[in-house]
Amino acid sequence: MALTFAERRQKWDVKLSPFGFISPYFLIFGVFGLFPLLYTAFVSLQKRNLIDAEGATFIGFGNYEQLLFHDPYFWNAMGNTVSLWLLTTIPQILFALGIAHLLNRRLRGRMFFRMGMILPNITSVAAVTIIFAQLFGRDFGLVNWVLSWFGAGQIDWQAGTASSHTAIAAMVVWRWTGYHALIFLASMQAIPSSMYEAATLDGAKGWQQFWRITVPLLRPQIIFSTVIATTGNMRLLAEPLLFNPGTAAATGGSDRQFQTAALYLYEQGFAKYDFGYSSAIALILAVATMLVAGLSYLVTRRIQTD
């Protein structure tokens, strides 16, 4: 029996409606995500000046060859990026777990503290960096003033590699720890209290319950936060750029001691106007970010959930 027009329309409506509902995402992604990525890949194969696009010449993989085999500044920037990733991602997750555990307990005024956790995240990154640059100032910084109580001399936080990485990591950790803590807190409140009661009857102490019950059950949230923190910390730009403001801000210090890969991209693209070279840096940084994020995922997913 042949289907009527209304029946055929209903049949196609059932089949095609789901694709119509999700199509806006793919349209937006195609315009603002896929097209810029493909265009960046195209530009990376050219010798191209940012202010003279008409004079671009095709050089194939010349930018990549120069970048990977003949550019020590790039590998210095990648080393700084990995160092800052380690100094920011791991403390973020550990501090966020501890703070969320404290806020999940019965504390007086805990709603006030929970609301305060998100304030650093909504603060302008420029304002945060400028304030922290003053806190870590060599001559009149508050951090050096506190350290002087313990006999420490004046530390030039911007001059050394370890000191500058520590200062920049402190900014990032302060700004994002509360965000991850609220994610963990929301998940902790979904854990049945009967599990903790049973563990208490079995003689498990608070610390044992945290590591044996809370952390394993938070594995999906820990994986999510670790991947999100990794992708963000591998692209640090504003913090190292504003930590040493001035004419040489894009170099990340006098000896490039805290220049990240994103900051090196900024220097090549918007200080030297080498658009093709900076596009190659962008693609390599994207690949490196995906590899490090995948590594973070493989590590965090090993958390036991028995």
C-alpha atoms as a PDB file:
ATOM      1  CA  MET A   1       0.000   0.000   0.000  1.00  0.00           C
ATOM      2  CA  ALA A   2       1.430   3.369  -1.026  1.00  0.00           C
ATOM      3  CA  LEU A   3       2.073   5.901   1.710  1.00  0.00           C
ATOM      4  CA  THR A   4       0.145   9.130   1.689  1.00  0.00           C
ATOM      5  CA  PHE A   5       1.905  12.483   1.504  1.00  0.00           C
ATOM      6  CA  ALA A   6       1.276  13.130   5.207  1.00  0.00           C
ATOM      7  CA  GLU A   7       2.726   9.731   6.155  1.00  0.00           C
ATOM      8  CA  ARG A   8       5.810  10.284   4.009  1.00  0.00           C
ATOM      9  CA  ARG A   9       6.294  13.734   5.506  1.00  0.00           C
ATOM     10  CA  GLN A  10       6.029  12.333   9.025  1.00  0.00           C
ATOM     11  CA  LYS A  11       8.520   9.579   8.164  1.00  0.00           C
ATOM     12  CA  TRP A  12      11.086  12.046   6.816  1.00  0.00           C
ATOM     13  CA  ASP A  13      10.416  14.376   9.724  1.00  0.00           C
ATOM     14  CA  VAL A  14      11.324  11.629  12.198  1.00  0.00           C
ATOM     15  CA  LYS A  15      14.523  10.851  10.279  1.00  0.00           C
ATOM     16  CA  LEU A  16      15.717  14.389   9.570  1.00  0.00           C
ATOM     17  CA  SER A  17      14.582  16.350  12.634  1.00  0.00           C
ATOM     18  CA  PRO A  18      17.491  15.209  14.867  1.00  0.00           C
ATOM     19  CA  PHE A  19      19.979  16.438  12.247  1.00  0.00           C
ATOM     20  CA  GLY A  20      18.181  19.764  12.097  1.00  0.00           C
ATOM     21  CA  PHE A  21      18.373  20.177  15.875  1.00  0.00           C
ATOM     22  CA  ILE A  22      22.137  19.664  15.962  1.00  0.00           C
ATOM     23  CA  SER A  23      22.918  21.528  12.737  1.00  0.00           C
ATOM     24  CA  PRO A  24      23.365  24.982  14.407  1.00  0.00           C
ATOM     25  CA  TYR A  25      26.351  23.674  16.357  1.00  0.00           C
ATOM     26  CA  PHE A  26      28.053  22.321  13.236  1.00  0.00           C
ATOM     27  CA  LEU A  27      27.322  25.515  11.310  1.00  0.00           C
ATOM     28  CA  ILE A  28      28.863  27.662  14.059  1.00  0.00           C
ATOM     29  CA  PHE A  29      31.797  25.272  14.419  1.00  0.00           C
ATOM     30  CA  GLY A  30      32.353  25.281  10.666  1.00  0.00           C
ATOM     31  CA  VAL A  31      32.434  29.087  10.486  1.00  0.00           C
ATOM     32  CA  PHE A  32      34.341  29.878  13.680  1.00  0.00           C
ATOM     33  CA  GLY A  33      36.297  26.648  14.226  1.00  0.00           C
ATOM     34  CA  LEU A  34      36.944  24.534  11.153  1.00  0.00           C
ATOM     35  CA  PHE A  35      37.413  27.329   8.625  1.00  0.00           C
ATOM     36  CA  PRO A  36      39.981  29.267  10.733  1.00  0.00           C
ATOM     37  CA  LEU A  37      41.847  26.015  11.343  1.00  0.00           C
ATOM     38  CA  LEU A  38      42.000  25.146   7.650  1.00  0.00           C
ATOM     39  CA  TYR A  39      42.936  28.711   6.734  1.00  0.00           C
ATOM     40  CA  THR A  40      45.710  28.694   9.337  1.00  0.00           C
ATOM     41  CA  ALA A  41      47.048  25.467   7.820  1.00  0.00           C
ATOM     42  CA  PHE A  42      46.973  27.086   4.375  1.00  0.00           C
ATOM     43  CA  VAL A  43      48.785  30.225   5.560  1.00  0.00           C
ATOM     44  CA  SER A  44      51.420  28.138   7.375  1.00  0.00           C
ATOM     45  CA  LEU A  45      52.617  26.908   3.969  1.00  0.00           C
ATOM     46  CA  GLN A  46      53.400  30.449   2.862  1.00  0.00           C
ATOM     47  CA  LYS A  47      55.988  33.122   3.435  1.00  0.00           C
ATOM     48  CA  ARG A  48      53.499  35.824   4.302  1.00  0.00           C
ATOM     49  CA  ASN A  49      53.666  39.220   5.943  1.00  0.00           C
ATOM     50  CA  LEU A  50      50.674  40.184   8.055  1.00  0.00           C
ATOM     51  CA  ILE A  51      50.448  43.673   6.523  1.00  0.00           C
ATOM     52  CA  ASP A  52      51.273  42.584   2.975  1.00  0.00           C
ATOM     53  CA  ALA A  53      49.040  39.627   2.175  1.00  0.00           C
ATOM     54  CA  GLU A  54      49.353  40.247  -1.576  1.00  0.00           C
ATOM     55  CA  GLY A  55      53.078  39.498  -1.474  1.00  0.00           C
ATOM     56  CA  ALA A  56      52.670  35.990  -0.037  1.00  0.00           C
ATOM     57  CA  THR A  57      54.691  33.186  -1.620  1.00  0.00           C
ATOM     58  CA  PHE A  58      54.161  29.455  -1.307  1.00  0.00           C
ATOM     59  CA  ILE A  59      57.091  27.698   0.408  1.00  0.00           C
ATOM     60  CA  GLY A  60      55.551  24.350   1.336  1.00  0.00           C
ATOM     61  CA  PHE A  61      56.799  22.994   4.649  1.00  0.00           C
ATOM     62  CA  GLY A  62      59.632  25.518   4.897  1.00  0.00           C
ATOM     63  CA  ASN A  63      58.152  27.170   7.987  1.00  0.00           C
ATOM     64  CA  TYR A  64      57.873  23.823   9.753  1.00  0.00           C
ATOM     65  CA  GLU A  65      61.431  22.853   8.845  1.00  0.00           C
ATOM     66  CA  GLN A  66      62.780  26.138  10.190  1.00  0.00           C
ATOM     67  CA  LEU A  67      60.636  25.891  13.291  1.00  0.00           C
ATOM     68  CA  LEU A  68      61.430  22.310  14.260  1.00  0.00           C
ATOM     69  CA  PHE A  69      65.079  22.051  13.238  1.00  0.00           C
ATOM     70  CA  HIS A  70      66.597  25.535  13.218  1.00  0.00           C
ATOM     71  CA  ASP A  71      64.764  27.627  15.816  1.00  0.00           C
ATOM     72  CA  PRO A  72      66.063  27.299  19.406  1.00  0.00           C
ATOM     73  CA  TYR A  73      63.699  30.030  20.579  1.00  0.00           C
ATOM     74  CA  PHE A  74      60.713  27.838  19.710  1.00  0.00           C
ATOM     75  CA  TRP A  75      62.003  24.895  21.729  1.00  0.00           C
ATOM     76  CA  ASN A  76      62.803  27.226  24.604  1.00  0.00           C
ATOM     77  CA  ALA A  77      59.195  28.447  24.474  1.00  0.00           C
ATOM     78  CA  MET A  78      57.876  24.881  24.371  1.00  0.00           C
ATOM     79  CA  GLY A  79      60.017  23.955  27.376  1.00  0.00           C
ATOM     80  CA  ASN A  80      58.630  26.936  29.293  1.00  0.00           C
ATOM     81  CA  THR A  81      55.112  25.924  28.267  1.00  0.00           C
ATOM     82  CA  VAL A  82      55.519  22.369  29.576  1.00  0.00           C
ATOM     83  CA  SER A  83      57.108  23.650  32.786  1.00  0.00           C
ATOM     84  CA  LEU A  84      54.222  26.038  33.438  1.00  0.00           C
ATOM     85  CA  TRP A  85      51.730  23.301  32.576  1.00  0.00           C
ATOM     86  CA  LEU A  86      53.185  21.084  35.303  1.00  0.00           C
ATOM     87  CA  LEU A  87      53.359  23.938  37.828  1.00  0.00           C
ATOM     88  CA  THR A  88      49.761  24.994  37.222  1.00  0.00           C
ATOM     89  CA  THR A  89      47.682  21.924  36.356  1.00  0.00           C
ATOM     90  CA  ILE A  90      48.742  19.592  39.176  1.00  0.00           C
ATOM     91  CA  PRO A  91      48.390  22.177  42.013  1.00  0.00           C
ATOM     92  CA  GLN A  92      45.050  23.328  40.586  1.00  0.00           C
ATOM     93  CA  ILE A  93      43.517  19.868  40.787  1.00  0.00           C
ATOM     94  CA  LEU A  94      44.996  19.036  44.210  1.00  0.00           C
ATOM     95  CA  PHE A  95      44.036  22.380  45.788  1.00  0.00           C
ATOM     96  CA  ALA A  96      40.568  22.214  44.221  1.00  0.00           C
ATOM     97  CA  LEU A  97      39.976  18.754  45.684  1.00  0.00           C
ATOM     98  CA  GLY A  98      41.057  19.918  49.141  1.00  0.00           C
ATOM     99  CA  ILE A  99      38.973  23.091  49.047  1.00  0.00           C
ATOM    100  CA  ALA A 100      35.911  21.251  47.771  1.00  0.00           C
ATOM    101  CA  HIS A 101      36.297  18.699  50.567  1.00  0.00           C
ATOM    102  CA  LEU A 102      36.403  21.469  53.165  1.00  0.00           C
ATOM    103  CA  LEU A 103      33.410  23.313  51.692  1.00  0.00           C
ATOM    104  CA  ASN A 104      31.445  20.068  51.640  1.00  0.00           C
ATOM    105  CA  ARG A 105      31.639  19.890  55.415  1.00  0.00           C
ATOM    106  CA  ARG A 106      29.322  21.690  57.809  1.00  0.00           C
ATOM    107  CA  LEU A 107      31.029  25.044  58.183  1.00  0.00           C
ATOM    108  CA  ARG A 108      29.600  28.307  59.401  1.00  0.00           C
ATOM    109  CA  GLY A 109      29.106  30.658  56.472  1.00  0.00           C
ATOM    110  CA  ARG A 110      29.998  27.992  53.929  1.00  0.00           C
ATOM    111  CA  MET A 111      27.648  29.531  51.323  1.00  0.00           C
ATOM    112  CA  PHE A 112      29.683  32.738  51.510  1.00  0.00           C
ATOM    113  CA  PHE A 113      32.906  30.811  50.907  1.00  0.00           C
ATOM    114  CA  ARG A 114      31.336  28.828  48.075  1.00  0.00           C
ATOM    115  CA  MET A 115      30.298  32.029  46.322  1.00  0.00           C
ATOM    116  CA  GLY A 116      33.766  33.481  46.878  1.00  0.00           C
ATOM    117  CA  MET A 117      35.393  30.585  45.048  1.00  0.00           C
ATOM    118  CA  ILE A 118      34.222  31.866  41.668  1.00  0.00           C
ATOM    119  CA  LEU A 119      35.342  35.473  42.170  1.00  0.00           C
ATOM    120  CA  PRO A 120      38.961  34.955  40.991  1.00  0.00           C
ATOM    121  CA  ASN A 121      37.690  33.299  37.817  1.00  0.00           C
ATOM    122  CA  ILE A 122      35.422  36.191  36.817  1.00  0.00           C
ATOM    123  CA  THR A 123      38.124  38.769  37.525  1.00  0.00           C
ATOM    124  CA  SER A 124      39.848  40.240  34.469  1.00  0.00           C
ATOM    125  CA  VAL A 125      43.030  38.341  33.651  1.00  0.00           C
ATOM    126  CA  ALA A 126      44.765  41.660  32.942  1.00  0.00           C
ATOM    127  CA  ALA A 127      43.876  42.983  36.388  1.00  0.00           C
ATOM    128  CA  VAL A 128      45.003  39.755  38.055  1.00  0.00           C
ATOM    129  CA  THR A 129      48.342  39.759  36.238  1.00  0.00           C
ATOM    130  CA  ILE A 130      49.067  43.418  36.983  1.00  0.00           C
ATOM    131  CA  ILE A 131      48.289  42.949  40.689  1.00  0.00           C
ATOM    132  CA  PHE A 132      50.394  39.789  40.947  1.00  0.00           C
ATOM    133  CA  ALA A 133      53.248  41.520  39.131  1.00  0.00           C
ATOM    134  CA  GLN A 134      53.166  44.117  41.917  1.00  0.00           C
ATOM    135  CA  LEU A 135      52.965  41.439  44.611  1.00  0.00           C
ATOM    136  CA  PHE A 136      56.033  39.730  43.164  1.00  0.00           C
ATOM    137  CA  GLY A 137      57.919  42.989  42.688  1.00  0.00           C
ATOM    138  CA  ARG A 138      61.630  42.895  43.502  1.00  0.00           C
ATOM    139  CA  ASP A 139      61.927  46.061  45.584  1.00  0.00           C
ATOM    140  CA  PHE A 140      58.503  46.728  47.071  1.00  0.00           C
ATOM    141  CA  GLY A 141      56.597  43.484  46.496  1.00  0.00           C
ATOM    142  CA  LEU A 142      54.495  42.040  49.292  1.00  0.00           C
ATOM    143  CA  VAL A 143      55.844  38.526  48.691  1.00  0.00           C
ATOM    144  CA  ASN A 144      59.454  39.618  49.178  1.00  0.00           C
ATOM    145  CA  TRP A 145      58.422  41.584  52.271  1.00  0.00           C
ATOM    146  CA  VAL A 146      56.917  38.439  53.832  1.00  0.00           C
ATOM    147  CA  LEU A 147      59.928  36.340  52.832  1.00  0.00           C
ATOM    148  CA  SER A 148      62.215  38.887  54.508  1.00  0.00           C
ATOM    149  CA  TRP A 149      60.738  37.809  57.853  1.00  0.00           C
ATOM    150  CA  PHE A 150      62.435  34.459  57.343  1.00  0.00           C
ATOM    151  CA  GLY A 151      65.764  35.909  56.291  1.00  0.00           C
ATOM    152  CA  ALA A 152      65.295  35.573  52.539  1.00  0.00           C
ATOM    153  CA  GLY A 153      66.828  38.257  50.376  1.00  0.00           C
ATOM    154  CA  GLN A 154      65.087  40.258  47.704  1.00  0.00           C
ATOM    155  CA  ILE A 155      64.153  37.880  44.898  1.00  0.00           C
ATOM    156  CA  ASP A 156      63.970  39.244  41.373  1.00  0.00           C
ATOM    157  CA  TRP A 157      61.002  37.124  40.326  1.00  0.00           C
ATOM    158  CA  GLN A 158      61.171  38.200  36.686  1.00  0.00           C
ATOM    159  CA  ALA A 159      64.890  37.565  36.217  1.00  0.00           C
ATOM    160  CA  GLY A 160      65.156  33.804  36.781  1.00  0.00           C
ATOM    161  CA  THR A 161      63.473  30.908  35.047  1.00  0.00           C
ATOM    162  CA  ALA A 162      62.342  29.080  38.195  1.00  0.00           C
ATOM    163  CA  SER A 163      61.252  32.258  39.997  1.00  0.00           C
ATOM    164  CA  SER A 164      59.302  33.657  37.042  1.00  0.00           C
ATOM    165  CA  HIS A 165      57.581  30.323  36.438  1.00  0.00           C
ATOM    166  CA  THR A 166      56.619  30.160  40.106  1.00  0.00           C
ATOM    167  CA  ALA A 167      55.120  33.658  40.019  1.00  0.00           C
ATOM    168  CA  ILE A 168      53.150  33.035  36.815  1.00  0.00           C
ATOM    169  CA  ALA A 169      51.946  29.661  38.095  1.00  0.00           C
ATOM    170  CA  ALA A 170      50.699  31.362  41.277  1.00  0.00           C
ATOM    171  CA  MET A 171      48.538  33.680  39.164  1.00  0.00           C
ATOM    172  CA  VAL A 172      47.024  30.844  37.155  1.00  0.00           C
ATOM    173  CA  VAL A 173      46.423  28.604  40.169  1.00  0.00           C
ATOM    174  CA  TRP A 174      44.793  31.442  42.141  1.00  0.00           C
ATOM    175  CA  ARG A 175      42.496  32.291  39.238  1.00  0.00           C
ATOM    176  CA  TRP A 176      41.277  28.812  38.291  1.00  0.00           C
ATOM    177  CA  THR A 177      41.348  26.702  41.457  1.00  0.00           C
ATOM    178  CA  GLY A 178      37.951  27.939  42.625  1.00  0.00           C
ATOM    179  CA  TYR A 179      36.362  27.042  39.297  1.00  0.00           C
ATOM    180  CA  HIS A 180      37.478  23.421  39.565  1.00  0.00           C
ATOM    181  CA  ALA A 181      36.638  23.332  43.281  1.00  0.00           C
ATOM    182  CA  LEU A 182      32.987  24.161  42.543  1.00  0.00           C
ATOM    183  CA  ILE A 183      32.839  21.359  39.963  1.00  0.00           C
ATOM    184  CA  PHE A 184      34.202  18.888  42.516  1.00  0.00           C
ATOM    185  CA  LEU A 185      31.911  20.238  45.243  1.00  0.00           C
ATOM    186  CA  ALA A 186      28.789  19.734  43.134  1.00  0.00           C
ATOM    187  CA  SER A 187      29.822  16.139  42.468  1.00  0.00           C
ATOM    188  CA  MET A 188      30.679  15.477  46.116  1.00  0.00           C
ATOM    189  CA  GLN A 189      27.171  16.469  47.144  1.00  0.00           C
ATOM    190  CA  ALA A 190      25.773  13.792  44.843  1.00  0.00           C
ATOM    191  CA  ILE A 191      27.659  11.010  46.652  1.00  0.00           C
ATOM    192  CA  PRO A 192      25.232   9.104  48.956  1.00  0.00           C
ATOM    193  CA  SER A 193      25.936   9.741  52.626  1.00  0.00           C
ATOM    194  CA  SER A 194      25.227   6.061  53.306  1.00  0.00           C
ATOM    195  CA  MET A 195      28.605   5.192  51.763  1.00  0.00           C
ATOM    196  CA  TYR A 196      30.427   7.346  54.317  1.00  0.00           C
ATOM    197  CA  GLU A 197      28.278   5.967  57.153  1.00  0.00           C
ATOM    198  CA  ALA A 198      29.138   2.419  56.156  1.00  0.00           C
ATOM    199  CA  ALA A 199      32.822   3.316  55.932  1.00  0.00           C
ATOM    200  CA  THR A 200      32.672   4.873  59.402  1.00  0.00           C
ATOM    201  CA  LEU A 201      31.172   1.684  60.813  1.00  0.00           C
ATOM    202  CA  ASP A 202      34.041  -0.242  59.187  1.00  0.00           C
ATOM    203  CA  GLY A 203      36.531   1.975  61.014  1.00  0.00           C
ATOM    204  CA  ALA A 204      37.628   4.177  58.104  1.00  0.00           C
ATOM    205  CA  LYS A 205      38.885   7.600  59.158  1.00  0.00           C
ATOM    206  CA  GLY A 206      38.089  10.861  57.380  1.00  0.00           C
ATOM    207  CA  TRP A 207      41.290  10.889  55.310  1.00  0.00           C
ATOM    208  CA  GLN A 208      40.786   7.254  54.307  1.00  0.00           C
ATOM    209  CA  GLN A 209      37.194   7.972  53.271  1.00  0.00           C
ATOM    210  CA  PHE A 210      38.382  10.887  51.147  1.00  0.00           C
ATOM    211  CA  TRP A 211      40.931   8.841  49.201  1.00  0.00           C
ATOM    212  CA  ARG A 212      38.971   5.557  49.109  1.00  0.00           C
ATOM    213  CA  ILE A 213      35.475   6.902  48.409  1.00  0.00           C
ATOM    214  CA  THR A 214      35.437  10.549  47.371  1.00  0.00           C
ATOM    215  CA  VAL A 215      38.342  10.657  44.939  1.00  0.00           C
ATOM    216  CA  PRO A 216      37.469   7.429  43.056  1.00  0.00           C
ATOM    217  CA  LEU A 217      33.851   8.551  42.626  1.00  0.00           C
ATOM    218  CA  LEU A 218      35.035  11.920  41.301  1.00  0.00           C
ATOM    219  CA  ARG A 219      37.090  10.337  38.521  1.00  0.00           C
ATOM    220  CA  PRO A 220      34.920  11.699  35.638  1.00  0.00           C
ATOM    221  CA  GLN A 221      35.082  15.217  37.088  1.00  0.00           C
ATOM    222  CA  ILE A 222      38.827  14.956  37.737  1.00  0.00           C
ATOM    223  CA  ILE A 223      39.380  13.848  34.136  1.00  0.00           C
ATOM    224  CA  PHE A 224      37.263  16.737  32.867  1.00  0.00           C
ATOM    225  CA  SER A 225      39.025  19.344  35.006  1.00  0.00           C
ATOM    226  CA  THR A 226      42.466  17.978  34.142  1.00  0.00           C
ATOM    227  CA  VAL A 227      41.808  18.119  30.410  1.00  0.00           C
ATOM    228  CA  ILE A 228      40.264  21.597  30.641  1.00  0.00           C
ATOM    229  CA  ALA A 229      43.178  22.860  32.755  1.00  0.00           C
ATOM    230  CA  THR A 230      45.688  21.286  30.376  1.00  0.00           C
ATOM    231  CA  THR A 231      44.245  22.883  27.255  1.00  0.00           C
ATOM    232  CA  GLY A 232      44.147  26.266  28.983  1.00  0.00           C
ATOM    233  CA  ASN A 233      47.594  26.117  30.551  1.00  0.00           C
ATOM    234  CA  MET A 234      49.252  25.007  27.326  1.00  0.00           C
ATOM    235  CA  ARG A 235      48.011  28.259  25.740  1.00  0.00           C
ATOM    236  CA  LEU A 236      49.136  30.760  28.374  1.00  0.00           C
ATOM    237  CA  LEU A 237      49.490  34.190  26.800  1.00  0.00           C
ATOM    238  CA  ALA A 238      48.142  37.065  28.904  1.00  0.00           C
ATOM    239  CA  GLU A 239      49.950  36.127  32.123  1.00  0.00           C
ATOM    240  CA  PRO A 240      53.509  36.007  30.717  1.00  0.00           C
ATOM    241  CA  LEU A 241      52.781  38.932  28.380  1.00  0.00           C
ATOM    242  CA  LEU A 242      51.637  41.280  31.163  1.00  0.00           C
ATOM    243  CA  PHE A 243      54.036  39.971  33.799  1.00  0.00           C
ATOM    244  CA  ASN A 244      56.824  41.994  32.186  1.00  0.00           C
ATOM    245  CA  PRO A 245      55.087  44.919  30.428  1.00  0.00           C
ATOM    246  CA  GLY A 246      57.096  47.119  28.136  1.00  0.00           C
ATOM    247  CA  THR A 247      58.596  47.189  24.694  1.00  0.00           C
ATOM    248  CA  ALA A 248      60.049  43.664  25.076  1.00  0.00           C
ATOM    249  CA  ALA A 249      56.960  42.090  26.647  1.00  0.00           C
ATOM    250  CA  ALA A 250      56.535  39.594  23.805  1.00  0.00           C
ATOM    251  CA  THR A 251      59.958  38.048  24.451  1.00  0.00           C
ATOM    252  CA  GLY A 252      58.972  36.836  27.915  1.00  0.00           C
ATOM    253  CA  GLY A 253      61.834  38.386  29.828  1.00  0.00           C
ATOM    254  CA  SER A 254      65.322  39.589  28.929  1.00  0.00           C
ATOM    255  CA  ASP A 255      66.499  36.021  28.280  1.00  0.00           C
ATOM    256  CA  ARG A 256      63.122  34.590  27.172  1.00  0.00           C
ATOM    257  CA  GLN A 257      62.988  32.804  30.519  1.00  0.00           C
ATOM    258  CA  PHE A 258      59.182  32.744  30.687  1.00  0.00           C
ATOM    259  CA  GLN A 259      58.185  33.045  27.037  1.00  0.00           C
ATOM    260  CA  THR A 260      55.519  30.447  26.286  1.00  0.00           C
ATOM    261  CA  ALA A 261      54.698  28.980  22.885  1.00  0.00           C
ATOM    262  CA  ALA A 262      51.576  31.159  22.639  1.00  0.00           C
ATOM    263  CA  LEU A 263      53.653  34.221  23.496  1.00  0.00           C
ATOM    264  CA  TYR A 264      56.240  33.252  20.864  1.00  0.00           C
ATOM    265  CA  LEU A 265      53.388  32.947  18.367  1.00  0.00           C
ATOM    266  CA  TYR A 266      52.280  36.442  19.357  1.00  0.00           C
ATOM    267  CA  GLU A 267      55.811  37.790  18.898  1.00  0.00           C
ATOM    268  CA  GLN A 268      56.212  36.296  15.431  1.00  0.00           C
ATOM    269  CA  GLY A 269      52.745  37.230  14.210  1.00  0.00           C
ATOM    270  CA  PHE A 270      52.081  40.641  15.748  1.00  0.00           C
ATOM    271  CA  ALA A 271      55.533  42.006  16.522  1.00  0.00           C
ATOM    272  CA  LYS A 272      57.459  40.733  13.488  1.00  0.00           C
ATOM    273  CA  TYR A 273      54.367  40.353  11.234  1.00  0.00           C
ATOM    274  CA  ASP A 274      55.501  36.915  10.017  1.00  0.00           C
ATOM    275  CA  PHE A 275      52.013  35.513   9.579  1.00  0.00           C
ATOM    276  CA  GLY A 276      53.048  32.276   7.890  1.00  0.00           C
ATOM    277  CA  TYR A 277      55.584  31.385  10.572  1.00  0.00           C
ATOM    278  CA  SER A 278      53.168  32.191  13.392  1.00  0.00           C
ATOM    279  CA  SER A 279      50.505  30.022  11.725  1.00  0.00           C
ATOM    280  CA  ALA A 280      52.930  27.088  11.726  1.00  0.00           C
ATOM    281  CA  ILE A 281      53.560  27.697  15.442  1.00  0.00           C
ATOM    282  CA  ALA A 282      49.802  27.714  16.045  1.00  0.00           C
ATOM    283  CA  LEU A 283      49.302  24.324  14.392  1.00  0.00           C
ATOM    284  CA  ILE A 284      52.228  22.701  16.173  1.00  0.00           C
ATOM    285  CA  LEU A 285      51.009  24.121  19.483  1.00  0.00           C
ATOM    286  CA  ALA A 286      47.532  22.725  18.783  1.00  0.00           C
ATOM    287  CA  VAL A 287      48.970  19.265  18.120  1.00  0.00           C
ATOM    288  CA  ALA A 288      51.150  19.465  21.252  1.00  0.00           C
ATOM    289  CA  THR A 289      48.130  20.517  23.319  1.00  0.00           C
ATOM    290  CA  MET A 290      46.112  17.550  22.084  1.00  0.00           C
ATOM    291  CA  LEU A 291      48.979  15.166  22.866  1.00  0.00           C
ATOM    292  CA  VAL A 292      49.452  16.535  26.391  1.00  0.00           C
ATOM    293  CA  ALA A 293      45.685  16.540  26.985  1.00  0.00           C
ATOM    294  CA  GLY A 294      45.563  12.912  25.852  1.00  0.00           C
ATOM    295  CA  LEU A 295      48.403  12.061  28.206  1.00  0.00           C
ATOM    296  CA  SER A 296      46.564  13.796  31.065  1.00  0.00           C
ATOM    297  CA  TYR A 297      43.454  11.802  30.248  1.00  0.00           C
ATOM    298  CA  LEU A 298      45.331   8.490  30.252  1.00  0.00           C
ATOM    299  CA  VAL A 299      46.909   9.301  33.622  1.00  0.00           C
ATOM    300  CA  THR A 300      43.742  10.467  35.378  1.00  0.00           C
ATOM    301  CA  ARG A 301      41.569   7.643  34.064  1.00  0.00           C
ATOM    302  CA  ARG A 302      43.755   5.175  35.978  1.00  0.00           C
ATOM    303  CA  ILE A 303      42.107   6.318  39.219  1.00  0.00           C
ATOM    304  CA  GLN A 304      40.478   3.235  40.715  1.00  0.00           C
ATOM    305  CA  THR A 305      36.705   3.187  41.052  1.00  0.00           C
ATOM    306  CA  ASP A 306      36.166  -0.233  42.607  1.00  0.00           C
END
